[in-house]
Amino acid sequence: MQNLHEELFVQIERKREEMILLGNHHGLTSPEVIQASQQLDRLLNHLGYLKKHPCQIK
């Protein structure tokens, strides 16, 4: 389970960095930044779910 959390943390950090770079290049309201933000939200929601429901992980 720890490896899954660690992998999610890595994915979250990478997506944050990508979103910042896209925002700097395209502007914060660009479709690319919005898409990256939505992907980041999904990763964060997944992490939150796993923290609330640890017994669901196999």
N, C-alpha and C. Protein backbone atom coordinates (compact mmCIF):
# COMPACT_ATOMS: atom_id res chain seq x y z
N MET A 1 0.82 -1.19 0.00
CA MET A 1 0.00 0.00 0.00
C MET A 1 0.86 1.26 0.00
N GLN A 2 1.95 1.23 0.72
CA GLN A 2 2.83 2.40 0.78
C GLN A 2 3.35 2.75 -0.61
N ASN A 3 3.68 1.73 -1.41
CA ASN A 3 4.18 2.00 -2.75
C ASN A 3 3.15 2.72 -3.61
N LEU A 4 1.88 2.35 -3.45
CA LEU A 4 0.82 3.00 -4.22
C LEU A 4 0.72 4.47 -3.81
N HIS A 5 0.77 4.74 -2.50
CA HIS A 5 0.74 6.13 -2.04
C HIS A 5 1.95 6.90 -2.57
N GLU A 6 3.11 6.29 -2.50
CA GLU A 6 4.32 6.96 -2.98
C GLU A 6 4.22 7.26 -4.47
N GLU A 7 3.71 6.32 -5.24
CA GLU A 7 3.56 6.51 -6.68
C GLU A 7 2.57 7.64 -6.96
N LEU A 8 1.49 7.69 -6.21
CA LEU A 8 0.53 8.77 -6.39
C LEU A 8 1.15 10.12 -6.05
N PHE A 9 1.94 10.18 -4.98
CA PHE A 9 2.62 11.43 -4.62
C PHE A 9 3.53 11.89 -5.76
N VAL A 10 4.24 10.96 -6.37
CA VAL A 10 5.13 11.29 -7.49
C VAL A 10 4.31 11.80 -8.67
N GLN A 11 3.22 11.11 -8.99
CA GLN A 11 2.36 11.54 -10.09
C GLN A 11 1.77 12.92 -9.84
N ILE A 12 1.36 13.16 -8.60
CA ILE A 12 0.78 14.45 -8.23
C ILE A 12 1.81 15.56 -8.40
N GLU A 13 3.01 15.32 -7.92
CA GLU A 13 4.05 16.35 -8.02
C GLU A 13 4.41 16.63 -9.48
N ARG A 14 4.50 15.58 -10.29
CA ARG A 14 4.79 15.77 -11.72
C ARG A 14 3.69 16.56 -12.41
N LYS A 15 2.44 16.24 -12.08
CA LYS A 15 1.32 16.94 -12.70
C LYS A 15 1.29 18.39 -12.28
N ARG A 16 1.61 18.68 -11.02
CA ARG A 16 1.69 20.07 -10.56
C ARG A 16 2.75 20.84 -11.34
N GLU A 17 3.91 20.22 -11.49
CA GLU A 17 4.99 20.87 -12.23
C GLU A 17 4.58 21.11 -13.68
N GLU A 18 3.94 20.12 -14.29
CA GLU A 18 3.47 20.27 -15.67
C GLU A 18 2.47 21.42 -15.77
N MET A 19 1.55 21.49 -14.82
CA MET A 19 0.53 22.53 -14.84
C MET A 19 1.16 23.92 -14.71
N ILE A 20 2.15 24.04 -13.86
CA ILE A 20 2.84 25.33 -13.69
C ILE A 20 3.53 25.73 -14.99
N LEU A 21 4.24 24.78 -15.60
CA LEU A 21 4.92 25.09 -16.87
C LEU A 21 3.93 25.47 -17.95
N LEU A 22 2.83 24.73 -18.03
CA LEU A 22 1.81 25.06 -19.03
C LEU A 22 1.21 26.43 -18.77
N GLY A 23 0.97 26.73 -17.50
CA GLY A 23 0.42 28.04 -17.15
C GLY A 23 1.35 29.17 -17.52
N ASN A 24 2.63 28.97 -17.30
CA ASN A 24 3.61 29.99 -17.65
C ASN A 24 3.70 30.18 -19.16
N HIS A 25 3.51 29.12 -19.89
CA HIS A 25 3.65 29.18 -21.35
C HIS A 25 2.36 29.60 -22.06
N HIS A 26 1.22 29.06 -21.62
CA HIS A 26 -0.04 29.27 -22.34
C HIS A 26 -1.00 30.22 -21.63
N GLY A 27 -0.77 30.51 -20.37
CA GLY A 27 -1.73 31.29 -19.59
C GLY A 27 -2.59 30.37 -18.74
N LEU A 28 -3.00 30.88 -17.61
CA LEU A 28 -3.68 30.04 -16.62
C LEU A 28 -5.05 29.55 -17.05
N THR A 29 -5.68 30.20 -18.01
CA THR A 29 -7.03 29.78 -18.43
C THR A 29 -7.01 29.00 -19.74
N SER A 30 -5.85 28.60 -20.19
CA SER A 30 -5.76 27.85 -21.45
C SER A 30 -6.34 26.45 -21.27
N PRO A 31 -6.84 25.87 -22.35
CA PRO A 31 -7.38 24.51 -22.28
C PRO A 31 -6.35 23.49 -21.76
N GLU A 32 -5.09 23.70 -22.10
CA GLU A 32 -4.05 22.77 -21.64
C GLU A 32 -3.91 22.81 -20.12
N VAL A 33 -3.96 24.00 -19.55
CA VAL A 33 -3.84 24.13 -18.09
C VAL A 33 -5.09 23.59 -17.41
N ILE A 34 -6.24 23.86 -17.97
CA ILE A 34 -7.49 23.34 -17.39
C ILE A 34 -7.49 21.82 -17.40
N GLN A 35 -7.03 21.23 -18.49
CA GLN A 35 -6.97 19.77 -18.58
C GLN A 35 -5.99 19.22 -17.53
N ALA A 36 -4.83 19.83 -17.41
CA ALA A 36 -3.86 19.38 -16.42
C ALA A 36 -4.42 19.53 -15.00
N SER A 37 -5.15 20.60 -14.77
CA SER A 37 -5.77 20.83 -13.46
C SER A 37 -6.80 19.75 -13.14
N GLN A 38 -7.58 19.37 -14.13
CA GLN A 38 -8.57 18.31 -13.93
C GLN A 38 -7.89 16.98 -13.67
N GLN A 39 -6.80 16.72 -14.36
CA GLN A 39 -6.05 15.48 -14.12
C GLN A 39 -5.46 15.47 -12.72
N LEU A 40 -4.95 16.62 -12.28
CA LEU A 40 -4.41 16.75 -10.93
C LEU A 40 -5.52 16.52 -9.91
N ASP A 41 -6.68 17.08 -10.15
CA ASP A 41 -7.82 16.87 -9.25
C ASP A 41 -8.16 15.39 -9.11
N ARG A 42 -8.15 14.67 -10.23
CA ARG A 42 -8.45 13.24 -10.19
C ARG A 42 -7.41 12.48 -9.36
N LEU A 43 -6.14 12.83 -9.54
CA LEU A 43 -5.09 12.18 -8.75
C LEU A 43 -5.26 12.48 -7.26
N LEU A 44 -5.56 13.73 -6.93
CA LEU A 44 -5.76 14.10 -5.53
C LEU A 44 -6.99 13.41 -4.94
N ASN A 45 -8.05 13.31 -5.74
CA ASN A 45 -9.25 12.60 -5.28
C ASN A 45 -8.95 11.12 -5.04
N HIS A 46 -8.18 10.53 -5.91
CA HIS A 46 -7.80 9.13 -5.76
C HIS A 46 -7.01 8.93 -4.46
N LEU A 47 -6.06 9.82 -4.22
CA LEU A 47 -5.27 9.74 -2.99
C LEU A 47 -6.17 9.90 -1.77
N GLY A 48 -7.09 10.85 -1.81
CA GLY A 48 -8.02 11.04 -0.70
C GLY A 48 -8.88 9.82 -0.46
N TYR A 49 -9.34 9.20 -1.53
CA TYR A 49 -10.14 7.98 -1.40
C TYR A 49 -9.33 6.87 -0.74
N LEU A 50 -8.10 6.69 -1.20
CA LEU A 50 -7.27 5.63 -0.63
C LEU A 50 -6.98 5.86 0.84
N LYS A 51 -6.84 7.12 1.24
CA LYS A 51 -6.61 7.42 2.65
C LYS A 51 -7.85 7.15 3.50
N LYS A 52 -9.03 7.38 2.92
CA LYS A 52 -10.28 7.13 3.65
C LYS A 52 -10.67 5.67 3.68
N HIS A 53 -10.26 4.94 2.65
CA HIS A 53 -10.68 3.54 2.51
C HIS A 53 -9.46 2.64 2.32
N PRO A 54 -8.59 2.56 3.28
CA PRO A 54 -7.36 1.77 3.10
C PRO A 54 -7.62 0.27 2.93
N CYS A 55 -8.73 -0.23 3.44
CA CYS A 55 -9.00 -1.66 3.32
C CYS A 55 -9.45 -2.04 1.92
N GLN A 56 -9.73 -1.08 1.06
CA GLN A 56 -10.16 -1.34 -0.31
C GLN A 56 -9.00 -1.70 -1.24
N ILE A 57 -7.78 -1.50 -0.77
CA ILE A 57 -6.59 -1.73 -1.60
C ILE A 57 -6.17 -3.18 -1.48
N LYS A 58 -5.93 -3.79 -2.61
CA LYS A 58 -5.48 -5.20 -2.62
C LYS A 58 -4.14 -5.29 -3.26
